[in-house]
C-alpha cells in the first residue's frame, strides 16, 4: 500500500502546483478576491495533504516486515478522499460561485481530522 499512497502524494502534489499556478495567473483577473481566497485555501490544503500522504507512504515503506498497518492505510484513505471532497468542493465553489458547494466542504474537513487522528494513533502505538 505504500506505493499507492506515495503515488497519490505525487499526483496530488503535482496537481497542487498546476492548480496553484492556474489560480495565480489565469484566475487572478477572473475571480473576485473572496473567490480567489477560496481557491488558495483549497490549494494550500491540497499541498498539506499531498505531503501527509507521502508521510503515510514512507511510514508504511519503512516497516515492510510488520503486519500491514490498518490505521495508516485508513489515514491514507481519509487524506485521499478528504482532498477530493474538501479541496474539490472549494475549487468548484471558486469557479462557479455556487455557495451550496460550501455545505460539502466540512465533510472533507472531517476526513482530514480523522486522517490525522489515525496517523497519530498509528505512530503512538509503535
Protein backbone atom coordinates (compact mmCIF):
# COMPACT_ATOMS: atom_id res chain seq x y z
CA UNK A 1 0.00 0.00 0.00
CA UNK A 2 2.93 2.37 0.46
CA UNK A 3 3.26 2.66 -3.32
CA UNK A 4 -0.41 3.66 -3.59
CA UNK A 5 -0.10 6.46 -1.02
CA UNK A 6 3.20 7.66 -2.48
CA UNK A 7 1.59 7.71 -5.92
CA UNK A 8 -1.35 9.77 -4.64
CA UNK A 9 1.12 12.05 -2.86
CA UNK A 10 3.00 12.68 -6.09
CA UNK A 11 -0.13 13.19 -8.18
CA UNK A 12 -1.79 15.49 -5.63
CA UNK A 13 1.44 17.46 -5.23
CA UNK A 14 1.82 17.89 -9.00
CA UNK A 15 -1.82 18.93 -9.36
CA UNK A 16 -1.44 21.37 -6.47
CA UNK A 17 1.42 23.10 -8.27
CA UNK A 18 -0.55 23.21 -11.52
CA UNK A 19 -3.74 24.45 -9.84
CA UNK A 20 -1.79 26.99 -7.81
CA UNK A 21 -0.17 28.39 -10.94
CA UNK A 22 -3.53 28.39 -12.72
CA UNK A 23 -5.08 30.31 -9.85
CA UNK A 24 -2.23 32.80 -9.63
CA UNK A 25 -2.05 33.51 -13.34
CA UNK A 26 -5.23 32.59 -15.21
CA UNK A 27 -7.80 33.17 -12.48
CA UNK A 28 -6.31 36.22 -10.79
CA UNK A 29 -8.16 38.62 -13.07
CA UNK A 30 -11.26 36.42 -13.40
CA UNK A 31 -12.19 35.81 -9.76
CA UNK A 32 -13.20 38.21 -7.03
CA UNK A 33 -10.74 38.48 -4.13
CA UNK A 34 -13.10 36.37 -1.98
CA UNK A 35 -13.27 33.55 -4.51
CA UNK A 36 -9.54 33.73 -5.16
CA UNK A 37 -9.02 33.29 -1.40
CA UNK A 38 -11.25 30.18 -1.54
CA UNK A 39 -9.10 28.83 -4.40
CA UNK A 40 -5.92 29.50 -2.40
CA UNK A 41 -7.35 27.72 0.67
CA UNK A 42 -8.14 24.66 -1.43
CA UNK A 43 -4.66 24.75 -2.90
CA UNK A 44 -2.93 25.03 0.48
CA UNK A 45 -4.86 22.13 1.96
CA UNK A 46 -4.14 20.04 -1.12
CA UNK A 47 -0.42 20.65 -0.64
CA UNK A 48 -0.54 19.81 3.07
CA UNK A 49 -2.34 16.56 2.46
CA UNK A 50 -0.18 15.59 -0.51
CA UNK A 51 2.73 15.77 1.93
CA UNK A 52 0.74 13.86 4.58
CA UNK A 53 0.14 11.08 2.04
CA UNK A 54 3.87 10.97 1.38
CA UNK A 55 4.46 10.55 5.10
CA UNK A 56 1.93 7.72 5.27
CA UNK A 57 3.61 6.01 2.33
CA UNK A 58 7.09 6.38 3.83
CA UNK A 59 5.96 5.10 7.23
CA UNK A 60 4.48 2.01 5.57
CA UNK A 61 7.56 1.51 3.43
CA UNK A 62 9.84 1.81 6.47
CA UNK A 63 8.27 -1.24 8.14
CA UNK A 64 8.00 -3.94 5.47
CA UNK A 65 8.44 -6.78 7.97
CA UNK A 66 5.47 -5.71 10.09
CA UNK A 67 1.87 -6.65 9.53
CA UNK A 68 0.02 -4.10 7.41
CA UNK A 69 -0.89 -1.09 9.49
CA UNK A 70 -4.62 -0.67 9.00
CA UNK A 71 -4.66 2.65 10.84
CA UNK A 72 -2.04 4.09 8.47
CA UNK A 73 -3.90 2.78 5.45
CA UNK A 74 -7.14 4.24 6.78
CA UNK A 75 -5.34 7.57 7.31
CA UNK A 76 -4.20 7.48 3.68
CA UNK A 77 -7.74 6.79 2.50
CA UNK A 78 -9.08 9.67 4.62
CA UNK A 79 -6.49 12.03 3.14
CA UNK A 80 -7.20 10.96 -0.45
CA UNK A 81 -10.97 11.28 -0.12
CA UNK A 82 -10.62 14.40 2.00
CA UNK A 83 -8.68 16.16 -0.76
CA UNK A 84 -11.34 15.21 -3.29
CA UNK A 85 -14.21 16.41 -1.11
CA UNK A 86 -12.68 19.39 0.72
CA UNK A 87 -10.42 20.80 -1.96
CA UNK A 88 -12.62 19.71 -4.84
CA UNK A 89 -15.67 21.46 -3.39
CA UNK A 90 -13.67 24.64 -2.77
CA UNK A 91 -12.18 24.64 -6.28
CA UNK A 92 -15.68 24.13 -7.71
CA UNK A 93 -17.11 26.85 -5.45
CA UNK A 94 -14.42 29.30 -6.57
CA UNK A 95 -15.10 28.60 -10.24
CA UNK A 96 -18.89 28.51 -10.07
CA UNK A 97 -19.71 30.74 -7.08
CA UNK A 98 -22.35 28.16 -6.09
CA UNK A 99 -22.37 28.67 -2.33
CA UNK A 100 -24.25 25.38 -1.91
CA UNK A 101 -20.95 23.60 -2.58
CA UNK A 102 -19.66 25.02 0.70
CA UNK A 103 -22.02 22.64 2.51
CA UNK A 104 -19.96 19.68 1.27
CA UNK A 105 -16.61 21.09 2.36
CA UNK A 106 -16.90 20.21 6.09
CA UNK A 107 -17.21 16.52 5.20
CA UNK A 108 -13.75 16.72 3.67
CA UNK A 109 -12.53 18.58 6.75
CA UNK A 110 -13.81 15.78 8.98
CA UNK A 111 -11.96 13.28 6.80
CA UNK A 112 -8.77 15.31 7.24
CA UNK A 113 -9.23 15.32 11.01
CA UNK A 114 -9.88 11.57 11.01
CA UNK A 115 -6.78 11.02 8.88
CA UNK A 116 -4.56 12.97 11.26
CA UNK A 117 -6.07 11.17 14.27
CA UNK A 118 -5.42 7.79 12.63
CA UNK A 119 -1.86 8.85 11.79
CA UNK A 120 -1.31 9.86 15.42
CA UNK A 121 -2.79 6.57 16.64
CA UNK A 122 -0.56 4.55 14.35
CA UNK A 123 2.60 6.40 15.33
CA UNK A 124 1.77 6.44 19.06
CA UNK A 125 1.32 2.68 19.28
CA UNK A 126 4.62 1.83 17.57
